[in-house]
Amino acid sequence: MVSLSYDLFKRAEGGVPVWVEAVRDLETARSRIRELSAEAPGQYLVFSQRSGRLVSSATIVASPAARAAHNVVKNSPGETESCALESDTLWK
């Protein structure tokens, strides 16, 4: 039986953490957060079940598809302007 040592949470409106799932290690946690954020960007938290402490936090500003779709913003007919969105992930 695989031991699931880390809980993943997504911070909902108002800052309330909502449990998403449990994973076995930090690498899996990072991978799952990237996958989950493709559908729902936001702040994700990783807690250690062993220590009961926050071990990682990631803020996903926009999914890769959303960044690509919004990379060019139309200001007026015939004019476009490039815009840069924030970085994918801020691991602590």
N, C-alpha and C. Protein backbone atom coordinates (compact mmCIF):
# COMPACT_ATOMS: atom_id res chain seq x y z
N MET A 1 0.84 -1.18 0.00
CA MET A 1 0.00 0.00 0.00
C MET A 1 0.89 1.25 0.00
N VAL A 2 0.58 2.19 -0.87
CA VAL A 2 1.35 3.43 -0.98
C VAL A 2 0.89 4.41 0.10
N SER A 3 1.85 4.98 0.79
CA SER A 3 1.53 5.97 1.83
C SER A 3 1.37 7.34 1.19
N LEU A 4 0.24 7.98 1.43
CA LEU A 4 -0.01 9.32 0.91
C LEU A 4 0.36 10.31 2.01
N SER A 5 1.49 10.98 1.82
CA SER A 5 2.09 11.79 2.89
C SER A 5 1.78 13.27 2.83
N TYR A 6 1.23 13.75 1.72
CA TYR A 6 0.99 15.19 1.56
C TYR A 6 -0.43 15.46 1.10
N ASP A 7 -1.04 16.48 1.68
CA ASP A 7 -2.38 16.91 1.27
C ASP A 7 -2.27 18.15 0.42
N LEU A 8 -3.02 18.18 -0.68
CA LEU A 8 -3.09 19.35 -1.55
C LEU A 8 -4.39 20.10 -1.27
N PHE A 9 -4.27 21.41 -1.13
CA PHE A 9 -5.43 22.27 -0.92
C PHE A 9 -5.40 23.37 -1.96
N LYS A 10 -6.58 23.85 -2.34
CA LYS A 10 -6.71 25.04 -3.19
C LYS A 10 -7.40 26.09 -2.35
N ARG A 11 -6.84 27.29 -2.37
CA ARG A 11 -7.43 28.38 -1.59
C ARG A 11 -8.65 28.91 -2.35
N ALA A 12 -9.82 28.83 -1.71
CA ALA A 12 -11.07 29.30 -2.32
C ALA A 12 -11.25 30.79 -2.04
N GLU A 13 -12.32 31.34 -2.56
CA GLU A 13 -12.64 32.75 -2.29
C GLU A 13 -12.71 32.96 -0.79
N GLY A 14 -12.21 34.09 -0.34
CA GLY A 14 -12.20 34.37 1.08
C GLY A 14 -11.00 33.76 1.79
N GLY A 15 -10.13 33.06 1.04
CA GLY A 15 -8.92 32.50 1.62
C GLY A 15 -9.07 31.16 2.29
N VAL A 16 -10.24 30.56 2.22
CA VAL A 16 -10.49 29.27 2.88
C VAL A 16 -9.83 28.15 2.06
N PRO A 17 -8.95 27.33 2.69
CA PRO A 17 -8.36 26.21 1.95
C PRO A 17 -9.36 25.07 1.80
N VAL A 18 -9.45 24.54 0.58
CA VAL A 18 -10.34 23.42 0.28
C VAL A 18 -9.48 22.23 -0.12
N TRP A 19 -9.65 21.11 0.59
CA TRP A 19 -8.87 19.91 0.30
C TRP A 19 -9.17 19.42 -1.10
N VAL A 20 -8.09 19.05 -1.83
CA VAL A 20 -8.23 18.54 -3.19
C VAL A 20 -7.94 17.04 -3.24
N GLU A 21 -6.77 16.66 -2.74
CA GLU A 21 -6.38 15.25 -2.75
C GLU A 21 -5.11 15.05 -1.94
N ALA A 22 -4.73 13.80 -1.73
CA ALA A 22 -3.49 13.45 -1.06
C ALA A 22 -2.57 12.79 -2.08
N VAL A 23 -1.25 13.05 -1.93
CA VAL A 23 -0.24 12.46 -2.83
C VAL A 23 0.90 11.92 -1.99
N ARG A 24 1.77 11.14 -2.63
CA ARG A 24 2.83 10.45 -1.89
C ARG A 24 4.08 11.28 -1.63
N ASP A 25 4.43 12.23 -2.54
CA ASP A 25 5.68 12.99 -2.36
C ASP A 25 5.56 14.39 -2.95
N LEU A 26 6.57 15.22 -2.68
CA LEU A 26 6.53 16.61 -3.14
C LEU A 26 6.59 16.73 -4.66
N GLU A 27 7.34 15.87 -5.31
CA GLU A 27 7.41 15.92 -6.78
C GLU A 27 6.03 15.64 -7.38
N THR A 28 5.32 14.67 -6.84
CA THR A 28 3.96 14.39 -7.30
C THR A 28 3.05 15.57 -7.00
N ALA A 29 3.23 16.20 -5.86
CA ALA A 29 2.43 17.38 -5.50
C ALA A 29 2.63 18.48 -6.53
N ARG A 30 3.87 18.78 -6.89
CA ARG A 30 4.15 19.82 -7.89
C ARG A 30 3.51 19.48 -9.23
N SER A 31 3.66 18.24 -9.63
CA SER A 31 3.10 17.78 -10.90
C SER A 31 1.57 17.91 -10.90
N ARG A 32 0.93 17.48 -9.83
CA ARG A 32 -0.54 17.55 -9.75
C ARG A 32 -1.03 18.99 -9.72
N ILE A 33 -0.29 19.87 -9.04
CA ILE A 33 -0.69 21.28 -9.00
C ILE A 33 -0.64 21.88 -10.40
N ARG A 34 0.38 21.53 -11.18
CA ARG A 34 0.44 22.01 -12.56
C ARG A 34 -0.76 21.51 -13.36
N GLU A 35 -1.10 20.24 -13.18
CA GLU A 35 -2.25 19.66 -13.89
C GLU A 35 -3.55 20.33 -13.45
N LEU A 36 -3.74 20.46 -12.14
CA LEU A 36 -4.98 21.05 -11.62
C LEU A 36 -5.12 22.51 -12.04
N SER A 37 -4.01 23.23 -12.07
CA SER A 37 -4.06 24.65 -12.40
C SER A 37 -4.37 24.91 -13.87
N ALA A 38 -4.19 23.91 -14.72
CA ALA A 38 -4.57 24.07 -16.13
C ALA A 38 -6.07 24.31 -16.25
N GLU A 39 -6.83 23.73 -15.34
CA GLU A 39 -8.29 23.91 -15.32
C GLU A 39 -8.72 25.01 -14.37
N ALA A 40 -7.99 25.19 -13.27
CA ALA A 40 -8.40 26.16 -12.25
C ALA A 40 -7.17 26.86 -11.64
N PRO A 41 -6.69 27.92 -12.29
CA PRO A 41 -5.57 28.67 -11.70
C PRO A 41 -5.94 29.21 -10.33
N GLY A 42 -4.95 29.44 -9.49
CA GLY A 42 -5.19 29.96 -8.15
C GLY A 42 -4.05 29.62 -7.23
N GLN A 43 -4.28 29.71 -5.94
CA GLN A 43 -3.24 29.39 -4.97
C GLN A 43 -3.45 27.98 -4.44
N TYR A 44 -2.38 27.19 -4.49
CA TYR A 44 -2.40 25.82 -4.01
C TYR A 44 -1.42 25.68 -2.85
N LEU A 45 -1.78 24.86 -1.89
CA LEU A 45 -0.97 24.64 -0.70
C LEU A 45 -0.68 23.16 -0.54
N VAL A 46 0.50 22.84 -0.02
CA VAL A 46 0.87 21.45 0.25
C VAL A 46 1.21 21.33 1.73
N PHE A 47 0.50 20.45 2.42
CA PHE A 47 0.72 20.21 3.84
C PHE A 47 1.28 18.80 4.04
N SER A 48 2.24 18.69 4.94
CA SER A 48 2.78 17.38 5.32
C SER A 48 1.85 16.75 6.34
N GLN A 49 1.40 15.53 6.08
CA GLN A 49 0.56 14.82 7.04
C GLN A 49 1.38 14.42 8.26
N ARG A 50 2.66 14.18 8.07
CA ARG A 50 3.52 13.76 9.19
C ARG A 50 3.76 14.89 10.18
N SER A 51 4.11 16.08 9.67
CA SER A 51 4.43 17.19 10.58
C SER A 51 3.24 18.10 10.84
N GLY A 52 2.23 18.04 9.95
CA GLY A 52 1.08 18.94 10.09
C GLY A 52 1.39 20.37 9.69
N ARG A 53 2.48 20.57 8.95
CA ARG A 53 2.91 21.91 8.57
C ARG A 53 2.83 22.14 7.07
N LEU A 54 2.69 23.42 6.71
CA LEU A 54 2.74 23.83 5.31
C LEU A 54 4.16 23.63 4.82
N VAL A 55 4.32 22.88 3.74
CA VAL A 55 5.66 22.64 3.21
C VAL A 55 5.89 23.29 1.86
N SER A 56 4.82 23.71 1.19
CA SER A 56 4.97 24.34 -0.10
C SER A 56 3.72 25.12 -0.45
N SER A 57 3.91 26.17 -1.24
CA SER A 57 2.79 26.98 -1.69
C SER A 57 3.08 27.40 -3.12
N ALA A 58 2.07 27.35 -3.98
CA ALA A 58 2.24 27.75 -5.37
C ALA A 58 1.07 28.63 -5.77
N THR A 59 1.37 29.71 -6.44
CA THR A 59 0.33 30.56 -6.98
C THR A 59 0.39 30.48 -8.49
N ILE A 60 -0.66 29.95 -9.08
CA ILE A 60 -0.75 29.82 -10.52
C ILE A 60 -1.64 30.95 -11.01
N VAL A 61 -1.05 31.88 -11.75
CA VAL A 61 -1.78 33.07 -12.18
C VAL A 61 -2.71 32.74 -13.32
N ALA A 62 -2.24 31.97 -14.28
CA ALA A 62 -3.08 31.57 -15.41
C ALA A 62 -2.51 30.29 -16.00
N SER A 63 -3.38 29.49 -16.56
CA SER A 63 -2.93 28.26 -17.19
C SER A 63 -2.13 28.60 -18.44
N PRO A 64 -1.28 27.68 -18.93
CA PRO A 64 -0.53 27.95 -20.15
C PRO A 64 -1.43 28.31 -21.33
N ALA A 65 -2.56 27.63 -21.46
CA ALA A 65 -3.49 27.93 -22.55
C ALA A 65 -4.08 29.33 -22.42
N ALA A 66 -4.41 29.72 -21.19
CA ALA A 66 -4.96 31.05 -20.97
C ALA A 66 -3.93 32.13 -21.27
N ARG A 67 -2.67 31.90 -20.89
CA ARG A 67 -1.62 32.88 -21.18
C ARG A 67 -1.45 33.03 -22.68
N ALA A 68 -1.46 31.92 -23.41
CA ALA A 68 -1.29 31.98 -24.85
C ALA A 68 -2.45 32.71 -25.51
N ALA A 69 -3.65 32.44 -25.05
CA ALA A 69 -4.84 33.07 -25.63
C ALA A 69 -4.89 34.56 -25.34
N HIS A 70 -4.35 34.99 -24.20
CA HIS A 70 -4.40 36.40 -23.82
C HIS A 70 -3.09 37.14 -24.04
N ASN A 71 -2.17 36.53 -24.75
CA ASN A 71 -0.88 37.15 -24.99
C ASN A 71 -1.02 38.39 -25.87
N VAL A 72 -2.01 38.42 -26.70
CA VAL A 72 -2.26 39.59 -27.54
C VAL A 72 -3.63 40.15 -27.16
N VAL A 73 -3.65 41.41 -26.77
CA VAL A 73 -4.88 42.07 -26.33
C VAL A 73 -5.24 43.13 -27.36
N LYS A 74 -6.49 43.12 -27.82
CA LYS A 74 -6.93 44.12 -28.79
C LYS A 74 -7.35 45.39 -28.07
N ASN A 75 -6.73 46.50 -28.43
CA ASN A 75 -7.09 47.79 -27.83
C ASN A 75 -8.17 48.50 -28.64
N SER A 76 -8.04 48.47 -29.94
CA SER A 76 -9.03 49.07 -30.82
C SER A 76 -8.94 48.34 -32.15
N PRO A 77 -9.93 48.51 -33.02
CA PRO A 77 -9.90 47.79 -34.29
C PRO A 77 -8.57 47.99 -35.03
N GLY A 78 -7.94 46.88 -35.40
CA GLY A 78 -6.70 46.96 -36.15
C GLY A 78 -5.44 47.11 -35.31
N GLU A 79 -5.57 47.40 -34.02
CA GLU A 79 -4.39 47.56 -33.16
C GLU A 79 -4.30 46.41 -32.17
N THR A 80 -3.09 45.95 -31.95
CA THR A 80 -2.86 44.94 -30.92
C THR A 80 -1.68 45.35 -30.07
N GLU A 81 -1.66 44.88 -28.87
CA GLU A 81 -0.56 45.17 -27.95
C GLU A 81 -0.22 43.91 -27.18
N SER A 82 1.05 43.59 -27.10
CA SER A 82 1.47 42.42 -26.33
C SER A 82 1.38 42.73 -24.85
N CYS A 83 1.04 41.72 -24.08
CA CYS A 83 1.03 41.90 -22.63
C CYS A 83 1.66 40.69 -21.99
N ALA A 84 2.35 40.87 -20.90
CA ALA A 84 2.99 39.78 -20.18
C ALA A 84 2.20 39.47 -18.93
N LEU A 85 1.93 38.20 -18.70
CA LEU A 85 1.26 37.77 -17.48
C LEU A 85 2.32 37.34 -16.49
N GLU A 86 1.92 37.21 -15.25
CA GLU A 86 2.85 36.83 -14.19
C GLU A 86 3.40 35.43 -14.43
N SER A 87 4.44 35.10 -13.71
CA SER A 87 5.09 33.80 -13.78
C SER A 87 4.11 32.69 -13.41
N ASP A 88 4.36 31.50 -13.97
CA ASP A 88 3.54 30.30 -13.70
C ASP A 88 3.39 30.01 -12.23
N THR A 89 4.51 29.80 -11.59
CA THR A 89 4.50 29.22 -10.26
C THR A 89 5.51 29.92 -9.36
N LEU A 90 5.12 30.17 -8.15
CA LEU A 90 6.01 30.73 -7.15
C LEU A 90 6.13 29.73 -6.02
N TRP A 91 7.10 28.83 -6.10
CA TRP A 91 7.27 27.81 -5.06
C TRP A 91 8.00 28.42 -3.88
N LYS A 92 7.52 28.15 -2.69
CA LYS A 92 8.18 28.62 -1.48
C LYS A 92 8.82 27.46 -0.78
